[in-house]
Amino acid sequence: MIQHPGVLALLLASGLVSLLLLAAGWQGLRILRGWNLQSGSEVQLDLERRTYLVSTLVANALVIQILSLFLFIFTAEGLHTQFVGAMCAAGSLAVNAFGYPTLLAKIATCLVAGVWLILHRADTQGHDYPLIRPKYVLLLILVPMVLAETWLQASYLAGLKADVMTSCCGSLFGQGREGLVAELAGLPPRIMQPAFWITLGAFVAAGVLLLRTRRGAGVFSVLSLAFLLVSVTSLVSFFCLYIYELPTHHCPFCLLQREYGFVGYPIYGTLLGGAILGLGVGALAPFRARKSLSEALPRMQARLAWSALVLALIFTLIVGIWMVLSPLKL
């Protein structure tokens, strides 16, 4: 399995990102300890030059990190034909104990990486490095997260054996099975459908309030994460049933296959992108009082909020069209 192009690309990308972030984290620690914008010393001038290089390296590494999530899912989906019993990426991830933890770790690092990129973008809008400390504090949190995810992924990929029998998605996500995912699949649509529409309505209302009054950034940020969680739960509970046209098929991974038009990629892309942008709105809120960002930050928050709302509505439109066109009626 190690010679599979996707596996090699994942290992190379994670190794490169880990090395870059380790080096950047060390430099970030030096910047945090020695930063003093009021000083004109050679040390401060060196730190100011150094931060441009470090920020550029981190920004590029985190873009690779975010893209690697989708490469990981794509590779897991492509590998399912190599394992007895696997019908999609769900079976590939169940081959050993590291598959699903790797996926969860990648999602977590992706969210934090997206927030860091937003902070970095905002920092470039000020003339006095207004977010230099929050940005590097978050980087120091992100480094161990990425290293842990790299270890989990390497353990998962190294443990892939073609002679291993794994479980199909029907047994993993079927009702009556034990486990969190099976319990989510068993949540009745009569509960999850109202929960989804209420969460969407609250998210949109919070966005409209933020855009009109420039208040409620924290609430909007929390609701963006809530919308992600409720949407994924709703996807497993009932949205998938309309797409598959089967009342018992709850797998969230079969959506990635050709026979369903690869609809899983835009679904998960819009959900993840909306959550990152929504969290970014809240992450910027504490810094609106910074003098050099007093004009740029509200505009940036408004653009992020608009984009997050648009992505949420695109997701709703995609699954809504499938619901309307599906012959299945729940």
C-alpha atoms as a PDB file:
ATOM      1  CA  MET A   1       0.000   0.000   0.000  1.00  0.00           C
ATOM      2  CA  ILE A   2       2.893   2.346   0.689  1.00  0.00           C
ATOM      3  CA  GLN A   3       3.555   2.682  -3.061  1.00  0.00           C
ATOM      4  CA  HIS A   4       0.061   3.968  -3.800  1.00  0.00           C
ATOM      5  CA  PRO A   5       0.365   7.521  -5.233  1.00  0.00           C
ATOM      6  CA  GLY A   6      -2.162   8.927  -2.773  1.00  0.00           C
ATOM      7  CA  VAL A   7      -0.399   7.343   0.191  1.00  0.00           C
ATOM      8  CA  LEU A   8       2.974   8.678  -0.940  1.00  0.00           C
ATOM      9  CA  ALA A   9       1.517  12.154  -1.470  1.00  0.00           C
ATOM     10  CA  LEU A  10      -0.064  12.154   1.993  1.00  0.00           C
ATOM     11  CA  LEU A  11       3.137  11.038   3.697  1.00  0.00           C
ATOM     12  CA  LEU A  12       5.218  13.577   1.797  1.00  0.00           C
ATOM     13  CA  ALA A  13       2.777  16.414   2.479  1.00  0.00           C
ATOM     14  CA  SER A  14       2.426  15.641   6.185  1.00  0.00           C
ATOM     15  CA  GLY A  15       6.188  15.299   6.604  1.00  0.00           C
ATOM     16  CA  LEU A  16       6.834  18.594   4.819  1.00  0.00           C
ATOM     17  CA  VAL A  17       4.132  20.445   6.770  1.00  0.00           C
ATOM     18  CA  SER A  18       5.388  19.052  10.079  1.00  0.00           C
ATOM     19  CA  LEU A  19       8.963  20.136   9.384  1.00  0.00           C
ATOM     20  CA  LEU A  20       7.901  23.599   8.273  1.00  0.00           C
ATOM     21  CA  LEU A  21       5.663  24.109  11.298  1.00  0.00           C
ATOM     22  CA  LEU A  22       8.323  22.838  13.706  1.00  0.00           C
ATOM     23  CA  ALA A  23      10.795  25.356  12.326  1.00  0.00           C
ATOM     24  CA  ALA A  24       8.162  28.095  12.254  1.00  0.00           C
ATOM     25  CA  GLY A  25       7.062  27.284  15.807  1.00  0.00           C
ATOM     26  CA  TRP A  26      10.607  27.662  17.088  1.00  0.00           C
ATOM     27  CA  GLN A  27      10.964  30.997  15.314  1.00  0.00           C
ATOM     28  CA  GLY A  28       7.517  32.017  16.545  1.00  0.00           C
ATOM     29  CA  LEU A  29       8.579  31.329  20.118  1.00  0.00           C
ATOM     30  CA  ARG A  30      11.609  33.574  19.627  1.00  0.00           C
ATOM     31  CA  ILE A  31       9.368  36.294  18.197  1.00  0.00           C
ATOM     32  CA  LEU A  32       6.938  36.077  21.115  1.00  0.00           C
ATOM     33  CA  ARG A  33       9.735  36.270  23.667  1.00  0.00           C
ATOM     34  CA  GLY A  34      11.646  39.139  22.067  1.00  0.00           C
ATOM     35  CA  TRP A  35       8.993  41.206  20.271  1.00  0.00           C
ATOM     36  CA  ASN A  36       8.978  44.900  21.210  1.00  0.00           C
ATOM     37  CA  LEU A  37       7.725  47.210  18.493  1.00  0.00           C
ATOM     38  CA  GLN A  38       8.799  50.266  20.487  1.00  0.00           C
ATOM     39  CA  SER A  39      12.407  49.178  20.262  1.00  0.00           C
ATOM     40  CA  GLY A  40      14.656  50.086  17.372  1.00  0.00           C
ATOM     41  CA  SER A  41      17.312  47.539  18.258  1.00  0.00           C
ATOM     42  CA  GLU A  42      18.910  45.167  15.784  1.00  0.00           C
ATOM     43  CA  VAL A  43      17.140  42.283  17.509  1.00  0.00           C
ATOM     44  CA  GLN A  44      13.724  43.835  16.881  1.00  0.00           C
ATOM     45  CA  LEU A  45      14.576  44.650  13.273  1.00  0.00           C
ATOM     46  CA  ASP A  46      15.709  41.056  12.759  1.00  0.00           C
ATOM     47  CA  LEU A  47      12.466  39.759  14.281  1.00  0.00           C
ATOM     48  CA  GLU A  48      10.409  42.007  11.992  1.00  0.00           C
ATOM     49  CA  ARG A  49      12.211  40.671   8.932  1.00  0.00           C
ATOM     50  CA  ARG A  50      11.963  37.135  10.233  1.00  0.00           C
ATOM     51  CA  THR A  51       8.197  37.294  10.785  1.00  0.00           C
ATOM     52  CA  TYR A  52       7.595  37.869   7.059  1.00  0.00           C
ATOM     53  CA  LEU A  53       9.441  34.675   6.180  1.00  0.00           C
ATOM     54  CA  VAL A  54       7.848  32.658   8.983  1.00  0.00           C
ATOM     55  CA  SER A  55       4.322  33.833   8.138  1.00  0.00           C
ATOM     56  CA  THR A  56       4.783  33.010   4.455  1.00  0.00           C
ATOM     57  CA  LEU A  57       6.056  29.514   5.247  1.00  0.00           C
ATOM     58  CA  VAL A  58       3.232  28.848   7.710  1.00  0.00           C
ATOM     59  CA  ALA A  59       0.549  30.167   5.350  1.00  0.00           C
ATOM     60  CA  ASN A  60       1.701  27.888   2.529  1.00  0.00           C
ATOM     61  CA  ALA A  61       2.080  24.909   4.862  1.00  0.00           C
ATOM     62  CA  LEU A  62      -1.430  25.359   6.234  1.00  0.00           C
ATOM     63  CA  VAL A  63      -2.948  25.570   2.759  1.00  0.00           C
ATOM     64  CA  ILE A  64      -1.313  22.201   2.055  1.00  0.00           C
ATOM     65  CA  GLN A  65      -2.630  20.936   5.395  1.00  0.00           C
ATOM     66  CA  ILE A  66      -6.211  21.886   4.519  1.00  0.00           C
ATOM     67  CA  LEU A  67      -5.996  20.354   1.046  1.00  0.00           C
ATOM     68  CA  SER A  68      -4.538  17.175   2.530  1.00  0.00           C
ATOM     69  CA  LEU A  69      -7.854  16.508   4.307  1.00  0.00           C
ATOM     70  CA  PHE A  70      -9.601  16.089   0.960  1.00  0.00           C
ATOM     71  CA  LEU A  71      -6.662  14.110  -0.432  1.00  0.00           C
ATOM     72  CA  PHE A  72      -6.909  11.794   2.578  1.00  0.00           C
ATOM     73  CA  ILE A  73     -10.625  11.222   2.001  1.00  0.00           C
ATOM     74  CA  PHE A  74     -10.068  10.759  -1.742  1.00  0.00           C
ATOM     75  CA  THR A  75      -7.281   8.248  -1.101  1.00  0.00           C
ATOM     76  CA  ALA A  76      -9.324   6.323   1.460  1.00  0.00           C
ATOM     77  CA  GLU A  77     -12.158   6.113  -1.050  1.00  0.00           C
ATOM     78  CA  GLY A  78      -9.811   4.915  -3.786  1.00  0.00           C
ATOM     79  CA  LEU A  79      -8.266   2.241  -1.560  1.00  0.00           C
ATOM     80  CA  HIS A  80     -11.525   0.543  -0.581  1.00  0.00           C
ATOM     81  CA  THR A  81     -11.275  -1.873  -3.529  1.00  0.00           C
ATOM     82  CA  GLN A  82      -8.134  -3.345  -1.957  1.00  0.00           C
ATOM     83  CA  PHE A  83      -9.883  -4.639   1.160  1.00  0.00           C
ATOM     84  CA  VAL A  84     -12.303  -7.528   1.508  1.00  0.00           C
ATOM     85  CA  GLY A  85     -15.637  -6.301   2.797  1.00  0.00           C
ATOM     86  CA  ALA A  86     -15.092  -2.587   2.088  1.00  0.00           C
ATOM     87  CA  MET A  87     -17.581  -0.810  -0.186  1.00  0.00           C
ATOM     88  CA  CYS A  88     -16.364   2.770   0.270  1.00  0.00           C
ATOM     89  CA  ALA A  89     -14.007   4.894   2.375  1.00  0.00           C
ATOM     90  CA  ALA A  90     -15.878   3.809   5.510  1.00  0.00           C
ATOM     91  CA  GLY A  91     -14.388   0.331   5.152  1.00  0.00           C
ATOM     92  CA  SER A  92     -10.911   1.654   4.346  1.00  0.00           C
ATOM     93  CA  LEU A  93     -10.880   3.783   7.484  1.00  0.00           C
ATOM     94  CA  ALA A  94     -12.000   0.811   9.567  1.00  0.00           C
ATOM     95  CA  VAL A  95      -9.066  -1.373   8.480  1.00  0.00           C
ATOM     96  CA  ASN A  96      -7.157  -0.452  11.645  1.00  0.00           C
ATOM     97  CA  ALA A  97      -7.641   1.572  14.797  1.00  0.00           C
ATOM     98  CA  PHE A  98      -6.005   4.728  13.392  1.00  0.00           C
ATOM     99  CA  GLY A  99      -8.303   5.460  10.438  1.00  0.00           C
ATOM    100  CA  TYR A 100     -11.139   7.361  12.044  1.00  0.00           C
ATOM    101  CA  PRO A 101      -8.950   9.143  14.649  1.00  0.00           C
ATOM    102  CA  THR A 102      -6.817  10.382  11.746  1.00  0.00           C
ATOM    103  CA  LEU A 103      -9.886  11.735   9.973  1.00  0.00           C
ATOM    104  CA  LEU A 104     -11.098  13.546  13.103  1.00  0.00           C
ATOM    105  CA  ALA A 105      -7.610  14.941  13.762  1.00  0.00           C
ATOM    106  CA  LYS A 106      -7.390  16.218  10.191  1.00  0.00           C
ATOM    107  CA  ILE A 107     -10.753  17.963  10.492  1.00  0.00           C
ATOM    108  CA  ALA A 108      -9.695  19.611  13.765  1.00  0.00           C
ATOM    109  CA  THR A 109      -6.359  20.826  12.392  1.00  0.00           C
ATOM    110  CA  CYS A 110      -8.104  22.021   9.243  1.00  0.00           C
ATOM    111  CA  LEU A 111     -10.464  24.221  11.279  1.00  0.00           C
ATOM    112  CA  VAL A 112      -7.647  25.680  13.391  1.00  0.00           C
ATOM    113  CA  ALA A 113      -5.439  26.169  10.325  1.00  0.00           C
ATOM    114  CA  GLY A 114      -8.225  28.083   8.604  1.00  0.00           C
ATOM    115  CA  VAL A 115      -8.623  30.380  11.606  1.00  0.00           C
ATOM    116  CA  TRP A 116      -4.851  30.999  11.651  1.00  0.00           C
ATOM    117  CA  LEU A 117      -4.921  31.995   7.984  1.00  0.00           C
ATOM    118  CA  ILE A 118      -7.736  34.446   8.726  1.00  0.00           C
ATOM    119  CA  LEU A 119      -5.781  35.963  11.638  1.00  0.00           C
ATOM    120  CA  HIS A 120      -2.736  36.230   9.394  1.00  0.00           C
ATOM    121  CA  ARG A 121      -4.748  37.987   6.713  1.00  0.00           C
ATOM    122  CA  ALA A 122      -6.100  40.449   9.268  1.00  0.00           C
ATOM    123  CA  ASP A 123      -2.607  41.031  10.662  1.00  0.00           C
ATOM    124  CA  THR A 124      -1.402  42.168   7.244  1.00  0.00           C
ATOM    125  CA  GLN A 125      -4.103  44.863   7.205  1.00  0.00           C
ATOM    126  CA  GLY A 126      -2.450  46.794  10.066  1.00  0.00           C
ATOM    127  CA  HIS A 127       0.770  48.767   9.838  1.00  0.00           C
ATOM    128  CA  ASP A 128       1.973  47.831  13.330  1.00  0.00           C
ATOM    129  CA  TYR A 129       1.668  44.022  13.335  1.00  0.00           C
ATOM    130  CA  PRO A 130      -1.479  44.224  15.513  1.00  0.00           C
ATOM    131  CA  LEU A 131      -2.094  40.463  15.722  1.00  0.00           C
ATOM    132  CA  ILE A 132       1.476  39.239  15.900  1.00  0.00           C
ATOM    133  CA  ARG A 133       1.132  37.748  19.387  1.00  0.00           C
ATOM    134  CA  PRO A 134      -2.294  36.061  18.988  1.00  0.00           C
ATOM    135  CA  LYS A 135      -1.159  34.676  15.649  1.00  0.00           C
ATOM    136  CA  TYR A 136       1.955  33.036  17.044  1.00  0.00           C
ATOM    137  CA  VAL A 137       0.230  31.802  20.193  1.00  0.00           C
ATOM    138  CA  LEU A 138      -2.255  29.997  17.927  1.00  0.00           C
ATOM    139  CA  LEU A 139       0.666  28.667  15.875  1.00  0.00           C
ATOM    140  CA  LEU A 140       2.204  27.143  19.006  1.00  0.00           C
ATOM    141  CA  ILE A 141      -1.131  25.415  19.668  1.00  0.00           C
ATOM    142  CA  LEU A 142      -1.341  24.241  16.071  1.00  0.00           C
ATOM    143  CA  VAL A 143       2.133  22.672  15.922  1.00  0.00           C
ATOM    144  CA  PRO A 144       1.446  19.774  18.357  1.00  0.00           C
ATOM    145  CA  MET A 145      -1.943  19.234  16.734  1.00  0.00           C
ATOM    146  CA  VAL A 146      -0.324  18.778  13.325  1.00  0.00           C
ATOM    147  CA  LEU A 147       2.416  16.550  14.739  1.00  0.00           C
ATOM    148  CA  ALA A 148      -0.177  14.325  16.442  1.00  0.00           C
ATOM    149  CA  GLU A 149      -2.208  14.143  13.229  1.00  0.00           C
ATOM    150  CA  THR A 150       0.945  13.280  11.252  1.00  0.00           C
ATOM    151  CA  TRP A 151       1.705  10.420  13.637  1.00  0.00           C
ATOM    152  CA  LEU A 152      -1.863   9.115  13.471  1.00  0.00           C
ATOM    153  CA  GLN A 153      -1.869   9.264   9.675  1.00  0.00           C
ATOM    154  CA  ALA A 154       1.507   7.544   9.374  1.00  0.00           C
ATOM    155  CA  SER A 155       0.332   4.812  11.765  1.00  0.00           C
ATOM    156  CA  TYR A 156      -2.848   4.344   9.745  1.00  0.00           C
ATOM    157  CA  LEU A 157      -1.147   4.216   6.366  1.00  0.00           C
ATOM    158  CA  ALA A 158       1.654   1.960   7.600  1.00  0.00           C
ATOM    159  CA  GLY A 159      -0.936  -0.452   8.991  1.00  0.00           C
ATOM    160  CA  LEU A 160      -2.843  -0.923   5.745  1.00  0.00           C
ATOM    161  CA  LYS A 161      -2.691  -4.592   4.773  1.00  0.00           C
ATOM    162  CA  ALA A 162      -4.480  -5.952   1.731  1.00  0.00           C
ATOM    163  CA  ASP A 163      -5.228  -9.271   3.397  1.00  0.00           C
ATOM    164  CA  VAL A 164      -7.243  -7.660   6.203  1.00  0.00           C
ATOM    165  CA  MET A 165     -11.006  -8.119   6.200  1.00  0.00           C
ATOM    166  CA  THR A 166     -12.881  -4.974   7.136  1.00  0.00           C
ATOM    167  CA  SER A 167     -16.487  -3.885   7.629  1.00  0.00           C
ATOM    168  CA  CYS A 168     -18.826  -2.477   5.008  1.00  0.00           C
ATOM    169  CA  CYS A 169     -20.571   0.837   5.544  1.00  0.00           C
ATOM    170  CA  GLY A 170     -23.882  -0.934   6.066  1.00  0.00           C
ATOM    171  CA  SER A 171     -22.577  -2.646   9.165  1.00  0.00           C
ATOM    172  CA  LEU A 172     -20.789   0.462  10.438  1.00  0.00           C
ATOM    173  CA  PHE A 173     -23.631   2.938  10.001  1.00  0.00           C
ATOM    174  CA  GLY A 174     -26.619   0.638  10.220  1.00  0.00           C
ATOM    175  CA  GLN A 175     -29.263   1.119  12.855  1.00  0.00           C
ATOM    176  CA  GLY A 176     -29.053  -1.241  15.785  1.00  0.00           C
ATOM    177  CA  ARG A 177     -25.244  -1.142  15.844  1.00  0.00           C
ATOM    178  CA  GLU A 178     -23.316   0.139  18.839  1.00  0.00           C
ATOM    179  CA  GLY A 179     -21.258   3.298  18.689  1.00  0.00           C
ATOM    180  CA  LEU A 180     -21.716   7.037  18.295  1.00  0.00           C
ATOM    181  CA  VAL A 181     -22.087   7.053  14.500  1.00  0.00           C
ATOM    182  CA  ALA A 182     -24.676   4.283  14.562  1.00  0.00           C
ATOM    183  CA  GLU A 183     -26.603   6.222  17.210  1.00  0.00           C
ATOM    184  CA  LEU A 184     -26.530   9.316  14.990  1.00  0.00           C
ATOM    185  CA  ALA A 185     -27.798   7.253  12.075  1.00  0.00           C
ATOM    186  CA  GLY A 186     -30.605   6.044  14.296  1.00  0.00           C
ATOM    187  CA  LEU A 187     -31.825   9.540  15.147  1.00  0.00           C
ATOM    188  CA  PRO A 188     -35.317   9.811  13.620  1.00  0.00           C
ATOM    189  CA  PRO A 189     -35.885  12.354  10.816  1.00  0.00           C
ATOM    190  CA  ARG A 190     -38.862  13.808  12.703  1.00  0.00           C
ATOM    191  CA  ILE A 191     -36.330  15.084  15.253  1.00  0.00           C
ATOM    192  CA  MET A 192     -33.375  15.937  13.022  1.00  0.00           C
ATOM    193  CA  GLN A 193     -35.287  17.741  10.264  1.00  0.00           C
ATOM    194  CA  PRO A 194     -36.678  20.437  12.622  1.00  0.00           C
ATOM    195  CA  ALA A 195     -33.292  20.594  14.369  1.00  0.00           C
ATOM    196  CA  PHE A 196     -31.546  21.273  11.056  1.00  0.00           C
ATOM    197  CA  TRP A 197     -33.957  23.986   9.921  1.00  0.00           C
ATOM    198  CA  ILE A 198     -33.950  25.665  13.340  1.00  0.00           C
ATOM    199  CA  THR A 199     -30.133  25.695  13.411  1.00  0.00           C
ATOM    200  CA  LEU A 200     -29.979  27.066   9.868  1.00  0.00           C
ATOM    201  CA  GLY A 201     -32.530  29.752  10.739  1.00  0.00           C
ATOM    202  CA  ALA A 202     -30.618  30.754  13.863  1.00  0.00           C
ATOM    203  CA  PHE A 203     -27.349  30.868  11.916  1.00  0.00           C
ATOM    204  CA  VAL A 204     -28.834  33.061   9.175  1.00  0.00           C
ATOM    205  CA  ALA A 205     -30.525  35.326  11.743  1.00  0.00           C
ATOM    206  CA  ALA A 206     -27.251  35.759  13.624  1.00  0.00           C
ATOM    207  CA  GLY A 207     -25.534  36.590  10.339  1.00  0.00           C
ATOM    208  CA  VAL A 208     -28.128  39.203   9.398  1.00  0.00           C
ATOM    209  CA  LEU A 209     -27.833  40.753  12.886  1.00  0.00           C
ATOM    210  CA  LEU A 210     -24.055  40.851  12.589  1.00  0.00           C
ATOM    211  CA  LEU A 211     -24.142  42.454   9.150  1.00  0.00           C
ATOM    212  CA  ARG A 212     -26.651  45.097  10.227  1.00  0.00           C
ATOM    213  CA  THR A 213     -25.368  45.993  13.686  1.00  0.00           C
ATOM    214  CA  ARG A 214     -21.776  44.666  13.642  1.00  0.00           C
ATOM    215  CA  ARG A 215     -22.623  42.873  16.893  1.00  0.00           C
ATOM    216  CA  GLY A 216     -22.935  39.245  17.859  1.00  0.00           C
ATOM    217  CA  ALA A 217     -19.725  37.957  16.259  1.00  0.00           C
ATOM    218  CA  GLY A 218     -19.232  35.423  19.044  1.00  0.00           C
ATOM    219  CA  VAL A 219     -22.767  34.075  18.711  1.00  0.00           C
ATOM    220  CA  PHE A 220     -22.378  33.830  14.945  1.00  0.00           C
ATOM    221  CA  SER A 221     -19.121  31.936  15.388  1.00  0.00           C
ATOM    222  CA  VAL A 222     -20.666  29.435  17.814  1.00  0.00           C
ATOM    223  CA  LEU A 223     -23.649  28.921  15.527  1.00  0.00           C
ATOM    224  CA  SER A 224     -21.374  28.289  12.544  1.00  0.00           C
ATOM    225  CA  LEU A 225     -19.801  25.390  14.429  1.00  0.00           C
ATOM    226  CA  ALA A 226     -23.244  24.221  15.592  1.00  0.00           C
ATOM    227  CA  PHE A 227     -24.467  24.298  11.990  1.00  0.00           C
ATOM    228  CA  LEU A 228     -21.525  22.107  10.938  1.00  0.00           C
ATOM    229  CA  LEU A 229     -22.264  19.523  13.636  1.00  0.00           C
ATOM    230  CA  VAL A 230     -26.036  19.504  13.095  1.00  0.00           C
ATOM    231  CA  SER A 231     -25.611  19.331   9.316  1.00  0.00           C
ATOM    232  CA  VAL A 232     -23.279  16.330   9.484  1.00  0.00           C
ATOM    233  CA  THR A 233     -25.663  14.630  11.917  1.00  0.00           C
ATOM    234  CA  SER A 234     -28.604  15.409   9.632  1.00  0.00           C
ATOM    235  CA  LEU A 235     -26.644  14.100   6.664  1.00  0.00           C
ATOM    236  CA  VAL A 236     -26.173  10.742   8.388  1.00  0.00           C
ATOM    237  CA  SER A 237     -29.688  10.720   9.842  1.00  0.00           C
ATOM    238  CA  PHE A 238     -31.828  11.567   6.816  1.00  0.00           C
ATOM    239  CA  PHE A 239     -30.238  13.569   3.978  1.00  0.00           C
ATOM    240  CA  CYS A 240     -28.299  10.502   2.795  1.00  0.00           C
ATOM    241  CA  LEU A 241     -31.502   8.496   2.556  1.00  0.00           C
ATOM    242  CA  TYR A 242     -32.905  10.832  -0.101  1.00  0.00           C
ATOM    243  CA  ILE A 243     -29.660  10.794  -2.081  1.00  0.00           C
ATOM    244  CA  TYR A 244     -29.315   7.007  -2.002  1.00  0.00           C
ATOM    245  CA  GLU A 245     -33.095   6.509  -2.351  1.00  0.00           C
ATOM    246  CA  LEU A 246     -32.831   3.837   0.328  1.00  0.00           C
ATOM    247  CA  PRO A 247     -34.417   4.151   3.783  1.00  0.00           C
ATOM    248  CA  THR A 248     -31.626   2.187   5.477  1.00  0.00           C
ATOM    249  CA  HIS A 249     -28.424   3.529   3.868  1.00  0.00           C
ATOM    250  CA  HIS A 250     -26.865   6.119   6.186  1.00  0.00           C
ATOM    251  CA  CYS A 251     -23.232   6.070   5.026  1.00  0.00           C
ATOM    252  CA  PRO A 252     -21.689   9.564   4.643  1.00  0.00           C
ATOM    253  CA  PHE A 253     -18.842   8.236   2.480  1.00  0.00           C
ATOM    254  CA  CYS A 254     -20.703   6.692  -0.450  1.00  0.00           C
ATOM    255  CA  LEU A 255     -21.574  10.285  -1.414  1.00  0.00           C
ATOM    256  CA  LEU A 256     -18.000  10.527  -2.690  1.00  0.00           C
ATOM    257  CA  GLN A 257     -18.556   7.932  -5.393  1.00  0.00           C
ATOM    258  CA  ARG A 258     -19.160   8.460  -9.095  1.00  0.00           C
ATOM    259  CA  GLU A 259     -22.654   6.962  -9.096  1.00  0.00           C
ATOM    260  CA  TYR A 260     -23.812   9.822  -6.877  1.00  0.00           C
ATOM    261  CA  GLY A 261     -22.038  12.480  -8.910  1.00  0.00           C
ATOM    262  CA  PHE A 262     -19.252  12.957  -6.319  1.00  0.00           C
ATOM    263  CA  VAL A 263     -21.755  15.138  -4.484  1.00  0.00           C
ATOM    264  CA  GLY A 264     -19.955  14.499  -1.200  1.00  0.00           C
ATOM    265  CA  TYR A 265     -17.071  16.782  -2.131  1.00  0.00           C
ATOM    266  CA  PRO A 266     -19.132  19.988  -2.563  1.00  0.00           C
ATOM    267  CA  ILE A 267     -21.236  19.006   0.462  1.00  0.00           C
ATOM    268  CA  TYR A 268     -18.268  18.608   2.782  1.00  0.00           C
ATOM    269  CA  GLY A 269     -16.370  21.474   1.173  1.00  0.00           C
ATOM    270  CA  THR A 270     -19.171  23.965   1.784  1.00  0.00           C
ATOM    271  CA  LEU A 271     -19.710  22.750   5.351  1.00  0.00           C
ATOM    272  CA  LEU A 272     -16.031  22.919   6.262  1.00  0.00           C
ATOM    273  CA  GLY A 273     -15.463  26.236   4.494  1.00  0.00           C
ATOM    274  CA  GLY A 274     -18.487  27.809   6.168  1.00  0.00           C
ATOM    275  CA  ALA A 275     -17.343  26.632   9.592  1.00  0.00           C
ATOM    276  CA  ILE A 276     -13.836  28.047   9.087  1.00  0.00           C
ATOM    277  CA  LEU A 277     -15.166  31.420   7.948  1.00  0.00           C
ATOM    278  CA  GLY A 278     -17.696  31.551  10.783  1.00  0.00           C
ATOM    279  CA  LEU A 279     -15.065  30.713  13.373  1.00  0.00           C
ATOM    280  CA  GLY A 280     -12.848  33.364  11.835  1.00  0.00           C
ATOM    281  CA  VAL A 281     -15.516  36.009  12.466  1.00  0.00           C
ATOM    282  CA  GLY A 282     -15.474  35.189  16.165  1.00  0.00           C
ATOM    283  CA  ALA A 283     -11.682  34.915  16.304  1.00  0.00           C
ATOM    284  CA  LEU A 284     -11.342  38.490  15.006  1.00  0.00           C
ATOM    285  CA  ALA A 285     -13.925  39.966  17.389  1.00  0.00           C
ATOM    286  CA  PRO A 286     -11.585  40.588  20.375  1.00  0.00           C
ATOM    287  CA  PHE A 287      -9.262  42.716  18.234  1.00  0.00           C
ATOM    288  CA  ARG A 288     -11.706  45.244  16.791  1.00  0.00           C
ATOM    289  CA  ALA A 289     -10.477  47.810  19.304  1.00  0.00           C
ATOM    290  CA  ARG A 290      -6.985  47.745  17.825  1.00  0.00           C
ATOM    291  CA  LYS A 291      -6.508  51.199  16.354  1.00  0.00           C
ATOM    292  CA  SER A 292      -4.783  50.087  13.161  1.00  0.00           C
ATOM    293  CA  LEU A 293      -7.606  47.602  12.466  1.00  0.00           C
ATOM    294  CA  SER A 294     -10.588  49.739  13.441  1.00  0.00           C
ATOM    295  CA  GLU A 295     -11.663  50.217   9.818  1.00  0.00           C
ATOM    296  CA  ALA A 296     -10.406  47.071   8.105  1.00  0.00           C
ATOM    297  CA  LEU A 297     -11.562  44.484  10.643  1.00  0.00           C
ATOM    298  CA  PRO A 298     -15.337  45.186  10.525  1.00  0.00           C
ATOM    299  CA  ARG A 299     -15.249  45.003   6.727  1.00  0.00           C
ATOM    300  CA  MET A 300     -13.307  41.758   6.883  1.00  0.00           C
ATOM    301  CA  GLN A 301     -15.763  40.273   9.379  1.00  0.00           C
ATOM    302  CA  ALA A 302     -18.659  41.261   7.133  1.00  0.00           C
ATOM    303  CA  ARG A 303     -17.066  39.547   4.117  1.00  0.00           C
ATOM    304  CA  LEU A 304     -16.380  36.427   6.147  1.00  0.00           C
ATOM    305  CA  ALA A 305     -19.949  36.356   7.473  1.00  0.00           C
ATOM    306  CA  TRP A 306     -21.418  36.826   3.990  1.00  0.00           C
ATOM    307  CA  SER A 307     -19.241  34.037   2.620  1.00  0.00           C
ATOM    308  CA  ALA A 308     -20.120  31.682   5.481  1.00  0.00           C
ATOM    309  CA  LEU A 309     -23.838  32.293   4.940  1.00  0.00           C
ATOM    310  CA  VAL A 310     -23.527  31.742   1.192  1.00  0.00           C
ATOM    311  CA  LEU A 311     -21.721  28.432   1.738  1.00  0.00           C
ATOM    312  CA  ALA A 312     -24.397  27.314   4.225  1.00  0.00           C
ATOM    313  CA  LEU A 313     -27.116  28.144   1.719  1.00  0.00           C
ATOM    314  CA  ILE A 314     -25.254  26.334  -1.079  1.00  0.00           C
ATOM    315  CA  PHE A 315     -25.081  23.238   1.117  1.00  0.00           C
ATOM    316  CA  THR A 316     -28.802  23.546   1.872  1.00  0.00           C
ATOM    317  CA  LEU A 317     -29.570  24.006  -1.821  1.00  0.00           C
ATOM    318  CA  ILE A 318     -27.578  20.890  -2.787  1.00  0.00           C
ATOM    319  CA  VAL A 319     -29.248  18.586  -0.278  1.00  0.00           C
ATOM    320  CA  GLY A 320     -32.599  20.299  -0.793  1.00  0.00           C
ATOM    321  CA  ILE A 321     -32.564  19.571  -4.525  1.00  0.00           C
ATOM    322  CA  TRP A 322     -31.805  15.909  -3.828  1.00  0.00           C
ATOM    323  CA  MET A 323     -34.672  15.773  -1.334  1.00  0.00           C
ATOM    324  CA  VAL A 324     -37.142  17.292  -3.787  1.00  0.00           C
ATOM    325  CA  LEU A 325     -36.086  15.131  -6.732  1.00  0.00           C
ATOM    326  CA  SER A 326     -35.780  11.887  -4.787  1.00  0.00           C
ATOM    327  CA  PRO A 327     -38.667   9.439  -5.119  1.00  0.00           C
ATOM    328  CA  LEU A 328     -38.082   8.391  -1.509  1.00  0.00           C
ATOM    329  CA  LYS A 329     -40.604   9.820   0.944  1.00  0.00           C
ATOM    330  CA  LEU A 330     -39.966   9.538   4.668  1.00  0.00           C
END
